[in-house]
Amino acid sequence: MMKYKVDGNNFCRVFELPIKFTEYLCFGGSHATTFKMVDWFNPVSDIPTAGCKKVDHDELVAELLPWLQQKKYLKPDQTYLVLCDFGMCFQFKKEQDGD
């Protein structure tokens, strides 16, 4: 169970990952990869003024996923990466109709 301390760093970005990554290995170098930023938001509510709040990774993801699943930018078979300034990250896909 991961816990994160959230204070002035309460910010997340959502990136659309490429459907296909390079097929070449990265030994001896790197390969440029384009991530498309599609959203940003403040994920944690009720942070006390001049204070901080501890949040649980699994609980926050469970709270955010239904909201993220309603976003208009989601595409079928596309993976999205959520990066938070306080160190948390997770990825998700659009739920298919009937899931």
PDB file of N, CA and C in Angstrom:
ATOM      1  N   MET A   1       0.849  -1.173   0.000  1.00  0.00           N
ATOM      2  CA  MET A   1       0.000   0.000   0.000  1.00  0.00           C
ATOM      3  C   MET A   1       0.900   1.244   0.000  1.00  0.00           C
ATOM      4  N   MET A   2       0.923   1.957  -1.116  1.00  0.00           N
ATOM      5  CA  MET A   2       1.742   3.167  -1.231  1.00  0.00           C
ATOM      6  C   MET A   2       0.956   4.371  -0.720  1.00  0.00           C
ATOM      7  N   LYS A   3       1.623   5.186   0.081  1.00  0.00           N
ATOM      8  CA  LYS A   3       1.047   6.438   0.571  1.00  0.00           C
ATOM      9  C   LYS A   3       1.873   7.590   0.023  1.00  0.00           C
ATOM     10  N   TYR A   4       1.209   8.667  -0.338  1.00  0.00           N
ATOM     11  CA  TYR A   4       1.882   9.846  -0.877  1.00  0.00           C
ATOM     12  C   TYR A   4       1.497  11.073  -0.066  1.00  0.00           C
ATOM     13  N   LYS A   5       2.459  11.931   0.157  1.00  0.00           N
ATOM     14  CA  LYS A   5       2.226  13.196   0.844  1.00  0.00           C
ATOM     15  C   LYS A   5       1.923  14.252  -0.219  1.00  0.00           C
ATOM     16  N   VAL A   6       0.745  14.846  -0.145  1.00  0.00           N
ATOM     17  CA  VAL A   6       0.316  15.834  -1.130  1.00  0.00           C
ATOM     18  C   VAL A   6       0.166  17.181  -0.436  1.00  0.00           C
ATOM     19  N   ASP A   7       0.890  18.170  -0.932  1.00  0.00           N
ATOM     20  CA  ASP A   7       0.739  19.528  -0.402  1.00  0.00           C
ATOM     21  C   ASP A   7       0.648  20.467  -1.600  1.00  0.00           C
ATOM     22  N   GLY A   8       1.652  21.287  -1.849  1.00  0.00           N
ATOM     23  CA  GLY A   8       1.632  22.192  -2.989  1.00  0.00           C
ATOM     24  C   GLY A   8       1.892  21.502  -4.310  1.00  0.00           C
ATOM     25  N   ASN A   9       2.135  20.208  -4.269  1.00  0.00           N
ATOM     26  CA  ASN A   9       2.448  19.442  -5.473  1.00  0.00           C
ATOM     27  C   ASN A   9       1.231  18.674  -5.996  1.00  0.00           C
ATOM     28  N   ASN A  10       0.041  19.200  -5.803  1.00  0.00           N
ATOM     29  CA  ASN A  10      -1.222  18.545  -6.144  1.00  0.00           C
ATOM     30  C   ASN A  10      -1.565  18.780  -7.617  1.00  0.00           C
ATOM     31  N   PHE A  11      -0.861  18.088  -8.515  1.00  0.00           N
ATOM     32  CA  PHE A  11      -1.105  18.286  -9.935  1.00  0.00           C
ATOM     33  C   PHE A  11      -0.818  16.990 -10.677  1.00  0.00           C
ATOM     34  N   CYS A  12      -1.680  16.637 -11.627  1.00  0.00           N
ATOM     35  CA  CYS A  12      -1.501  15.447 -12.456  1.00  0.00           C
ATOM     36  C   CYS A  12      -1.665  15.806 -13.919  1.00  0.00           C
ATOM     37  N   ARG A  13      -0.968  15.045 -14.759  1.00  0.00           N
ATOM     38  CA  ARG A  13      -1.077  15.183 -16.203  1.00  0.00           C
ATOM     39  C   ARG A  13      -1.432  13.822 -16.781  1.00  0.00           C
ATOM     40  N   VAL A  14      -2.253  13.830 -17.844  1.00  0.00           N
ATOM     41  CA  VAL A  14      -2.633  12.596 -18.523  1.00  0.00           C
ATOM     42  C   VAL A  14      -2.014  12.617 -19.917  1.00  0.00           C
ATOM     43  N   PHE A  15      -1.280  11.545 -20.239  1.00  0.00           N
ATOM     44  CA  PHE A  15      -0.630  11.428 -21.542  1.00  0.00           C
ATOM     45  C   PHE A  15      -1.200  10.245 -22.301  1.00  0.00           C
ATOM     46  N   GLU A  16      -1.413  10.439 -23.595  1.00  0.00           N
ATOM     47  CA  GLU A  16      -1.800   9.350 -24.483  1.00  0.00           C
ATOM     48  C   GLU A  16      -0.506   8.709 -24.976  1.00  0.00           C
ATOM     49  N   LEU A  17      -0.347   7.425 -24.703  1.00  0.00           N
ATOM     50  CA  LEU A  17       0.867   6.722 -25.104  1.00  0.00           C
ATOM     51  C   LEU A  17       0.781   6.285 -26.566  1.00  0.00           C
ATOM     52  N   PRO A  18       1.914   6.166 -27.214  1.00  0.00           N
ATOM     53  CA  PRO A  18       1.893   5.675 -28.596  1.00  0.00           C
ATOM     54  C   PRO A  18       1.323   4.261 -28.653  1.00  0.00           C
ATOM     55  N   ILE A  19       0.613   3.960 -29.701  1.00  0.00           N
ATOM     56  CA  ILE A  19       0.063   2.612 -29.851  1.00  0.00           C
ATOM     57  C   ILE A  19       1.189   1.610 -30.063  1.00  0.00           C
ATOM     58  N   LYS A  20       2.223   2.032 -30.777  1.00  0.00           N
ATOM     59  CA  LYS A  20       3.347   1.143 -31.042  1.00  0.00           C
ATOM     60  C   LYS A  20       4.647   1.872 -30.737  1.00  0.00           C
ATOM     61  N   PHE A  21       5.493   1.223 -29.959  1.00  0.00           N
ATOM     62  CA  PHE A  21       6.812   1.769 -29.661  1.00  0.00           C
ATOM     63  C   PHE A  21       7.810   1.226 -30.675  1.00  0.00           C
ATOM     64  N   THR A  22       8.974   1.805 -30.686  1.00  0.00           N
ATOM     65  CA  THR A  22      10.027   1.347 -31.584  1.00  0.00           C
ATOM     66  C   THR A  22      10.337  -0.129 -31.357  1.00  0.00           C
ATOM     67  N   GLU A  23      10.757  -0.800 -32.378  1.00  0.00           N
ATOM     68  CA  GLU A  23      11.094  -2.217 -32.269  1.00  0.00           C
ATOM     69  C   GLU A  23      12.569  -2.419 -31.967  1.00  0.00           C
ATOM     70  N   TYR A  24      13.328  -1.347 -31.930  1.00  0.00           N
ATOM     71  CA  TYR A  24      14.767  -1.446 -31.716  1.00  0.00           C
ATOM     72  C   TYR A  24      15.100  -1.382 -30.232  1.00  0.00           C
ATOM     73  N   LEU A  25      16.147  -2.078 -29.827  1.00  0.00           N
ATOM     74  CA  LEU A  25      16.602  -2.043 -28.445  1.00  0.00           C
ATOM     75  C   LEU A  25      17.310  -0.728 -28.163  1.00  0.00           C
ATOM     76  N   CYS A  26      17.347  -0.337 -26.914  1.00  0.00           N
ATOM     77  CA  CYS A  26      17.941   0.941 -26.512  1.00  0.00           C
ATOM     78  C   CYS A  26      19.375   0.803 -26.014  1.00  0.00           C
ATOM     79  N   PHE A  27      20.023  -0.319 -26.258  1.00  0.00           N
ATOM     80  CA  PHE A  27      21.402  -0.483 -25.806  1.00  0.00           C
ATOM     81  C   PHE A  27      22.286   0.555 -26.478  1.00  0.00           C
ATOM     82  N   GLY A  28      23.069   1.258 -25.675  1.00  0.00           N
ATOM     83  CA  GLY A  28      24.002   2.233 -26.217  1.00  0.00           C
ATOM     84  C   GLY A  28      23.371   3.543 -26.637  1.00  0.00           C
ATOM     85  N   GLY A  29      22.114   3.774 -26.279  1.00  0.00           N
ATOM     86  CA  GLY A  29      21.469   5.034 -26.657  1.00  0.00           C
ATOM     87  C   GLY A  29      20.001   5.023 -26.290  1.00  0.00           C
ATOM     88  N   SER A  30      19.275   5.888 -26.927  1.00  0.00           N
ATOM     89  CA  SER A  30      17.846   5.980 -26.635  1.00  0.00           C
ATOM     90  C   SER A  30      17.094   6.260 -27.933  1.00  0.00           C
ATOM     91  N   HIS A  31      15.774   6.141 -27.859  1.00  0.00           N
ATOM     92  CA  HIS A  31      14.908   6.416 -29.002  1.00  0.00           C
ATOM     93  C   HIS A  31      13.856   7.429 -28.555  1.00  0.00           C
ATOM     94  N   ALA A  32      13.687   8.463 -29.332  1.00  0.00           N
ATOM     95  CA  ALA A  32      12.669   9.476 -29.022  1.00  0.00           C
ATOM     96  C   ALA A  32      11.282   8.846 -29.125  1.00  0.00           C
ATOM     97  N   THR A  33      10.434   9.165 -28.182  1.00  0.00           N
ATOM     98  CA  THR A  33       9.056   8.685 -28.166  1.00  0.00           C
ATOM     99  C   THR A  33       8.145   9.879 -27.909  1.00  0.00           C
ATOM    100  N   THR A  34       7.097   9.991 -28.682  1.00  0.00           N
ATOM    101  CA  THR A  34       6.173  11.107 -28.530  1.00  0.00           C
ATOM    102  C   THR A  34       4.996  10.699 -27.652  1.00  0.00           C
ATOM    103  N   PHE A  35       4.810  11.441 -26.572  1.00  0.00           N
ATOM    104  CA  PHE A  35       3.652  11.280 -25.702  1.00  0.00           C
ATOM    105  C   PHE A  35       2.780  12.512 -25.923  1.00  0.00           C
ATOM    106  N   LYS A  36       1.502  12.315 -26.066  1.00  0.00           N
ATOM    107  CA  LYS A  36       0.582  13.431 -26.297  1.00  0.00           C
ATOM    108  C   LYS A  36      -0.135  13.750 -24.983  1.00  0.00           C
ATOM    109  N   MET A  37       0.067  14.968 -24.446  1.00  0.00           N
ATOM    110  CA  MET A  37      -0.630  15.347 -23.212  1.00  0.00           C
ATOM    111  C   MET A  37      -2.065  15.725 -23.571  1.00  0.00           C
ATOM    112  N   VAL A  38      -3.031  15.069 -22.912  1.00  0.00           N
ATOM    113  CA  VAL A  38      -4.437  15.279 -23.240  1.00  0.00           C
ATOM    114  C   VAL A  38      -5.244  15.901 -22.102  1.00  0.00           C
ATOM    115  N   ASP A  39      -4.672  15.972 -20.899  1.00  0.00           N
ATOM    116  CA  ASP A  39      -5.451  16.501 -19.771  1.00  0.00           C
ATOM    117  C   ASP A  39      -4.510  16.836 -18.622  1.00  0.00           C
ATOM    118  N   TRP A  40      -4.986  17.634 -17.697  1.00  0.00           N
ATOM    119  CA  TRP A  40      -4.281  17.926 -16.455  1.00  0.00           C
ATOM    120  C   TRP A  40      -5.325  18.337 -15.426  1.00  0.00           C
ATOM    121  N   PHE A  41      -5.022  18.085 -14.157  1.00  0.00           N
ATOM    122  CA  PHE A  41      -6.006  18.359 -13.105  1.00  0.00           C
ATOM    123  C   PHE A  41      -5.342  18.274 -11.739  1.00  0.00           C
ATOM    124  N   ASN A  42      -6.055  18.752 -10.724  1.00  0.00           N
ATOM    125  CA  ASN A  42      -5.656  18.627  -9.321  1.00  0.00           C
ATOM    126  C   ASN A  42      -6.449  17.449  -8.748  1.00  0.00           C
ATOM    127  N   PRO A  43      -5.788  16.345  -8.417  1.00  0.00           N
ATOM    128  CA  PRO A  43      -6.503  15.124  -8.050  1.00  0.00           C
ATOM    129  C   PRO A  43      -6.992  15.030  -6.606  1.00  0.00           C
ATOM    130  N   VAL A  44      -6.390  15.775  -5.697  1.00  0.00           N
ATOM    131  CA  VAL A  44      -6.700  15.599  -4.277  1.00  0.00           C
ATOM    132  C   VAL A  44      -7.445  16.830  -3.775  1.00  0.00           C
ATOM    133  N   SER A  45      -8.602  16.589  -3.189  1.00  0.00           N
ATOM    134  CA  SER A  45      -9.388  17.697  -2.634  1.00  0.00           C
ATOM    135  C   SER A  45      -9.153  17.806  -1.136  1.00  0.00           C
ATOM    136  N   ASP A  46      -9.606  18.893  -0.573  1.00  0.00           N
ATOM    137  CA  ASP A  46      -9.575  19.114   0.884  1.00  0.00           C
ATOM    138  C   ASP A  46      -8.176  19.098   1.483  1.00  0.00           C
ATOM    139  N   ILE A  47      -7.214  19.700   0.793  1.00  0.00           N
ATOM    140  CA  ILE A  47      -5.882  19.840   1.384  1.00  0.00           C
ATOM    141  C   ILE A  47      -5.918  21.074   2.270  1.00  0.00           C
ATOM    142  N   PRO A  48      -5.547  20.938   3.547  1.00  0.00           N
ATOM    143  CA  PRO A  48      -5.593  22.089   4.440  1.00  0.00           C
ATOM    144  C   PRO A  48      -4.619  23.183   3.989  1.00  0.00           C
ATOM    145  N   THR A  49      -5.004  24.430   4.203  1.00  0.00           N
ATOM    146  CA  THR A  49      -4.125  25.553   3.881  1.00  0.00           C
ATOM    147  C   THR A  49      -2.839  25.415   4.678  1.00  0.00           C
ATOM    148  N   ALA A  50      -1.720  25.581   4.009  1.00  0.00           N
ATOM    149  CA  ALA A  50      -0.386  25.463   4.626  1.00  0.00           C
ATOM    150  C   ALA A  50      -0.194  24.109   5.293  1.00  0.00           C
ATOM    151  N   GLY A  51      -0.839  23.088   4.748  1.00  0.00           N
ATOM    152  CA  GLY A  51      -0.692  21.748   5.309  1.00  0.00           C
ATOM    153  C   GLY A  51      -0.512  20.733   4.209  1.00  0.00           C
ATOM    154  N   CYS A  52      -0.698  19.492   4.567  1.00  0.00           N
ATOM    155  CA  CYS A  52      -0.588  18.429   3.575  1.00  0.00           C
ATOM    156  C   CYS A  52      -1.607  17.349   3.903  1.00  0.00           C
ATOM    157  N   LYS A  53      -1.783  16.457   2.965  1.00  0.00           N
ATOM    158  CA  LYS A  53      -2.712  15.348   3.133  1.00  0.00           C
ATOM    159  C   LYS A  53      -2.017  14.093   2.621  1.00  0.00           C
ATOM    160  N   LYS A  54      -2.143  12.995   3.340  1.00  0.00           N
ATOM    161  CA  LYS A  54      -1.580  11.724   2.878  1.00  0.00           C
ATOM    162  C   LYS A  54      -2.678  10.962   2.147  1.00  0.00           C
ATOM    163  N   VAL A  55      -2.335  10.458   0.965  1.00  0.00           N
ATOM    164  CA  VAL A  55      -3.305   9.721   0.168  1.00  0.00           C
ATOM    165  C   VAL A  55      -2.767   8.331  -0.148  1.00  0.00           C
ATOM    166  N   ASP A  56      -3.670   7.384  -0.267  1.00  0.00           N
ATOM    167  CA  ASP A  56      -3.339   6.010  -0.610  1.00  0.00           C
ATOM    168  C   ASP A  56      -3.459   5.838  -2.126  1.00  0.00           C
ATOM    169  N   HIS A  57      -2.457   5.225  -2.733  1.00  0.00           N
ATOM    170  CA  HIS A  57      -2.422   5.040  -4.185  1.00  0.00           C
ATOM    171  C   HIS A  57      -3.679   4.346  -4.701  1.00  0.00           C
ATOM    172  N   ASP A  58      -3.990   3.172  -4.164  1.00  0.00           N
ATOM    173  CA  ASP A  58      -5.122   2.389  -4.669  1.00  0.00           C
ATOM    174  C   ASP A  58      -6.458   3.108  -4.479  1.00  0.00           C
ATOM    175  N   GLU A  59      -6.613   3.778  -3.357  1.00  0.00           N
ATOM    176  CA  GLU A  59      -7.863   4.504  -3.095  1.00  0.00           C
ATOM    177  C   GLU A  59      -8.023   5.677  -4.058  1.00  0.00           C
ATOM    178  N   LEU A  60      -6.946   6.416  -4.304  1.00  0.00           N
ATOM    179  CA  LEU A  60      -7.036   7.563  -5.204  1.00  0.00           C
ATOM    180  C   LEU A  60      -7.276   7.112  -6.640  1.00  0.00           C
ATOM    181  N   VAL A  61      -6.624   6.050  -7.073  1.00  0.00           N
ATOM    182  CA  VAL A  61      -6.863   5.526  -8.430  1.00  0.00           C
ATOM    183  C   VAL A  61      -8.325   5.091  -8.561  1.00  0.00           C
ATOM    184  N   ALA A  62      -8.852   4.394  -7.563  1.00  0.00           N
ATOM    185  CA  ALA A  62     -10.250   3.951  -7.598  1.00  0.00           C
ATOM    186  C   ALA A  62     -11.207   5.141  -7.658  1.00  0.00           C
ATOM    187  N   GLU A  63     -10.831   6.234  -7.041  1.00  0.00           N
ATOM    188  CA  GLU A  63     -11.661   7.446  -7.064  1.00  0.00           C
ATOM    189  C   GLU A  63     -11.565   8.160  -8.412  1.00  0.00           C
ATOM    190  N   LEU A  64     -10.387   8.191  -9.008  1.00  0.00           N
ATOM    191  CA  LEU A  64     -10.172   8.931 -10.252  1.00  0.00           C
ATOM    192  C   LEU A  64     -10.633   8.190 -11.505  1.00  0.00           C
ATOM    193  N   LEU A  65     -10.535   6.869 -11.525  1.00  0.00           N
ATOM    194  CA  LEU A  65     -10.836   6.123 -12.754  1.00  0.00           C
ATOM    195  C   LEU A  65     -12.240   6.346 -13.308  1.00  0.00           C
ATOM    196  N   PRO A  66     -13.305   6.304 -12.503  1.00  0.00           N
ATOM    197  CA  PRO A  66     -14.631   6.548 -13.079  1.00  0.00           C
ATOM    198  C   PRO A  66     -14.733   7.934 -13.729  1.00  0.00           C
ATOM    199  N   TRP A  67     -14.109   8.926 -13.116  1.00  0.00           N
ATOM    200  CA  TRP A  67     -14.116  10.287 -13.664  1.00  0.00           C
ATOM    201  C   TRP A  67     -13.320  10.337 -14.964  1.00  0.00           C
ATOM    202  N   LEU A  68     -12.138   9.709 -14.979  1.00  0.00           N
ATOM    203  CA  LEU A  68     -11.321   9.690 -16.185  1.00  0.00           C
ATOM    204  C   LEU A  68     -12.001   8.929 -17.319  1.00  0.00           C
ATOM    205  N   GLN A  69     -12.738   7.875 -17.000  1.00  0.00           N
ATOM    206  CA  GLN A  69     -13.413   7.085 -18.030  1.00  0.00           C
ATOM    207  C   GLN A  69     -14.492   7.873 -18.767  1.00  0.00           C
ATOM    208  N   GLN A  70     -14.930   8.997 -18.223  1.00  0.00           N
ATOM    209  CA  GLN A  70     -15.950   9.827 -18.858  1.00  0.00           C
ATOM    210  C   GLN A  70     -15.367  10.866 -19.815  1.00  0.00           C
ATOM    211  N   LYS A  71     -14.059  10.967 -19.877  1.00  0.00           N
ATOM    212  CA  LYS A  71     -13.414  11.997 -20.688  1.00  0.00           C
ATOM    213  C   LYS A  71     -13.637  11.745 -22.180  1.00  0.00           C
ATOM    214  N   LYS A  72     -13.889  12.820 -22.919  1.00  0.00           N
ATOM    215  CA  LYS A  72     -14.179  12.748 -24.362  1.00  0.00           C
ATOM    216  C   LYS A  72     -12.952  12.384 -25.190  1.00  0.00           C
ATOM    217  N   TYR A  73     -11.748  12.628 -24.669  1.00  0.00           N
ATOM    218  CA  TYR A  73     -10.539  12.366 -25.450  1.00  0.00           C
ATOM    219  C   TYR A  73     -10.160  10.883 -25.519  1.00  0.00           C
ATOM    220  N   LEU A  74     -10.785  10.032 -24.715  1.00  0.00           N
ATOM    221  CA  LEU A  74     -10.425   8.614 -24.694  1.00  0.00           C
ATOM    222  C   LEU A  74     -10.757   7.933 -26.020  1.00  0.00           C
ATOM    223  N   LYS A  75      -9.822   7.105 -26.471  1.00  0.00           N
ATOM    224  CA  LYS A  75      -9.996   6.347 -27.715  1.00  0.00           C
ATOM    225  C   LYS A  75      -9.899   4.859 -27.393  1.00  0.00           C
ATOM    226  N   PRO A  76     -10.667   4.026 -28.101  1.00  0.00           N
ATOM    227  CA  PRO A  76     -10.569   2.576 -27.878  1.00  0.00           C
ATOM    228  C   PRO A  76      -9.149   2.072 -28.154  1.00  0.00           C
ATOM    229  N   ASP A  77      -8.722   1.095 -27.415  1.00  0.00           N
ATOM    230  CA  ASP A  77      -7.415   0.436 -27.589  1.00  0.00           C
ATOM    231  C   ASP A  77      -6.227   1.372 -27.374  1.00  0.00           C
ATOM    232  N   GLN A  78      -6.452   2.502 -26.760  1.00  0.00           N
ATOM    233  CA  GLN A  78      -5.381   3.464 -26.475  1.00  0.00           C
ATOM    234  C   GLN A  78      -5.060   3.387 -24.984  1.00  0.00           C
ATOM    235  N   THR A  79      -3.779   3.459 -24.633  1.00  0.00           N
ATOM    236  CA  THR A  79      -3.366   3.452 -23.229  1.00  0.00           C
ATOM    237  C   THR A  79      -3.014   4.866 -22.809  1.00  0.00           C
ATOM    238  N   TYR A  80      -3.413   5.232 -21.598  1.00  0.00           N
ATOM    239  CA  TYR A  80      -3.158   6.559 -21.042  1.00  0.00           C
ATOM    240  C   TYR A  80      -2.320   6.424 -19.779  1.00  0.00           C
ATOM    241  N   LEU A  81      -1.398   7.338 -19.618  1.00  0.00           N
ATOM    242  CA  LEU A  81      -0.495   7.354 -18.471  1.00  0.00           C
ATOM    243  C   LEU A  81      -0.778   8.610 -17.653  1.00  0.00           C
ATOM    244  N   VAL A  82      -1.030   8.432 -16.364  1.00  0.00           N
ATOM    245  CA  VAL A  82      -1.268   9.553 -15.452  1.00  0.00           C
ATOM    246  C   VAL A  82      -0.023   9.716 -14.582  1.00  0.00           C
ATOM    247  N   LEU A  83       0.592  10.891 -14.651  1.00  0.00           N
ATOM    248  CA  LEU A  83       1.773  11.214 -13.845  1.00  0.00           C
ATOM    249  C   LEU A  83       1.412  12.345 -12.891  1.00  0.00           C
ATOM    250  N   CYS A  84       1.647  12.134 -11.614  1.00  0.00           N
ATOM    251  CA  CYS A  84       1.318  13.134 -10.595  1.00  0.00           C
ATOM    252  C   CYS A  84       2.601  13.740 -10.038  1.00  0.00           C
ATOM    253  N   ASP A  85       2.571  15.027  -9.769  1.00  0.00           N
ATOM    254  CA  ASP A  85       3.752  15.718  -9.249  1.00  0.00           C
ATOM    255  C   ASP A  85       4.205  15.168  -7.899  1.00  0.00           C
ATOM    256  N   PHE A  86       3.317  14.519  -7.155  1.00  0.00           N
ATOM    257  CA  PHE A  86       3.694  13.988  -5.847  1.00  0.00           C
ATOM    258  C   PHE A  86       4.228  12.561  -5.926  1.00  0.00           C
ATOM    259  N   GLY A  87       4.484  12.064  -7.146  1.00  0.00           N
ATOM    260  CA  GLY A  87       5.170  10.788  -7.319  1.00  0.00           C
ATOM    261  C   GLY A  87       4.306   9.614  -7.743  1.00  0.00           C
ATOM    262  N   MET A  88       3.009   9.757  -7.694  1.00  0.00           N
ATOM    263  CA  MET A  88       2.125   8.656  -8.063  1.00  0.00           C
ATOM    264  C   MET A  88       1.975   8.595  -9.583  1.00  0.00           C
ATOM    265  N   CYS A  89       1.843   7.389 -10.108  1.00  0.00           N
ATOM    266  CA  CYS A  89       1.548   7.221 -11.531  1.00  0.00           C
ATOM    267  C   CYS A  89       0.734   5.947 -11.722  1.00  0.00           C
ATOM    268  N   PHE A  90      -0.043   5.922 -12.782  1.00  0.00           N
ATOM    269  CA  PHE A  90      -0.784   4.721 -13.166  1.00  0.00           C
ATOM    270  C   PHE A  90      -1.204   4.871 -14.614  1.00  0.00           C
ATOM    271  N   GLN A  91      -1.556   3.753 -15.218  1.00  0.00           N
ATOM    272  CA  GLN A  91      -2.060   3.801 -16.581  1.00  0.00           C
ATOM    273  C   GLN A  91      -3.414   3.136 -16.652  1.00  0.00           C
ATOM    274  N   PHE A  92      -4.170   3.484 -17.700  1.00  0.00           N
ATOM    275  CA  PHE A  92      -5.494   2.920 -17.867  1.00  0.00           C
ATOM    276  C   PHE A  92      -5.871   2.936 -19.338  1.00  0.00           C
ATOM    277  N   LYS A  93      -6.910   2.195 -19.672  1.00  0.00           N
ATOM    278  CA  LYS A  93      -7.476   2.170 -21.016  1.00  0.00           C
ATOM    279  C   LYS A  93      -8.952   2.511 -20.916  1.00  0.00           C
ATOM    280  N   LYS A  94      -9.523   2.936 -22.029  1.00  0.00           N
ATOM    281  CA  LYS A  94     -10.950   3.210 -22.084  1.00  0.00           C
ATOM    282  C   LYS A  94     -11.715   1.908 -21.904  1.00  0.00           C
ATOM    283  N   GLU A  95     -12.712   1.944 -21.048  1.00  0.00           N
ATOM    284  CA  GLU A  95     -13.549   0.767 -20.883  1.00  0.00           C
ATOM    285  C   GLU A  95     -14.382   0.602 -22.142  1.00  0.00           C
ATOM    286  N   GLN A  96     -14.479  -0.618 -22.624  1.00  0.00           N
ATOM    287  CA  GLN A  96     -15.278  -0.903 -23.805  1.00  0.00           C
ATOM    288  C   GLN A  96     -16.748  -1.042 -23.393  1.00  0.00           C
ATOM    289  N   ASP A  97     -17.658  -0.738 -24.303  1.00  0.00           N
ATOM    290  CA  ASP A  97     -19.084  -0.898 -24.014  1.00  0.00           C
ATOM    291  C   ASP A  97     -19.352  -2.345 -23.615  1.00  0.00           C
ATOM    292  N   GLY A  98     -20.063  -2.517 -22.521  1.00  0.00           N
ATOM    293  CA  GLY A  98     -20.372  -3.853 -22.033  1.00  0.00           C
ATOM    294  C   GLY A  98     -19.374  -4.367 -21.003  1.00  0.00           C
ATOM    295  N   ASP A  99     -18.284  -3.644 -20.765  1.00  0.00           N
ATOM    296  CA  ASP A  99     -17.291  -4.052 -19.755  1.00  0.00           C
ATOM    297  C   ASP A  99     -17.788  -3.691 -18.369  1.00  0.00           C
TER     298      ASP A  99
END
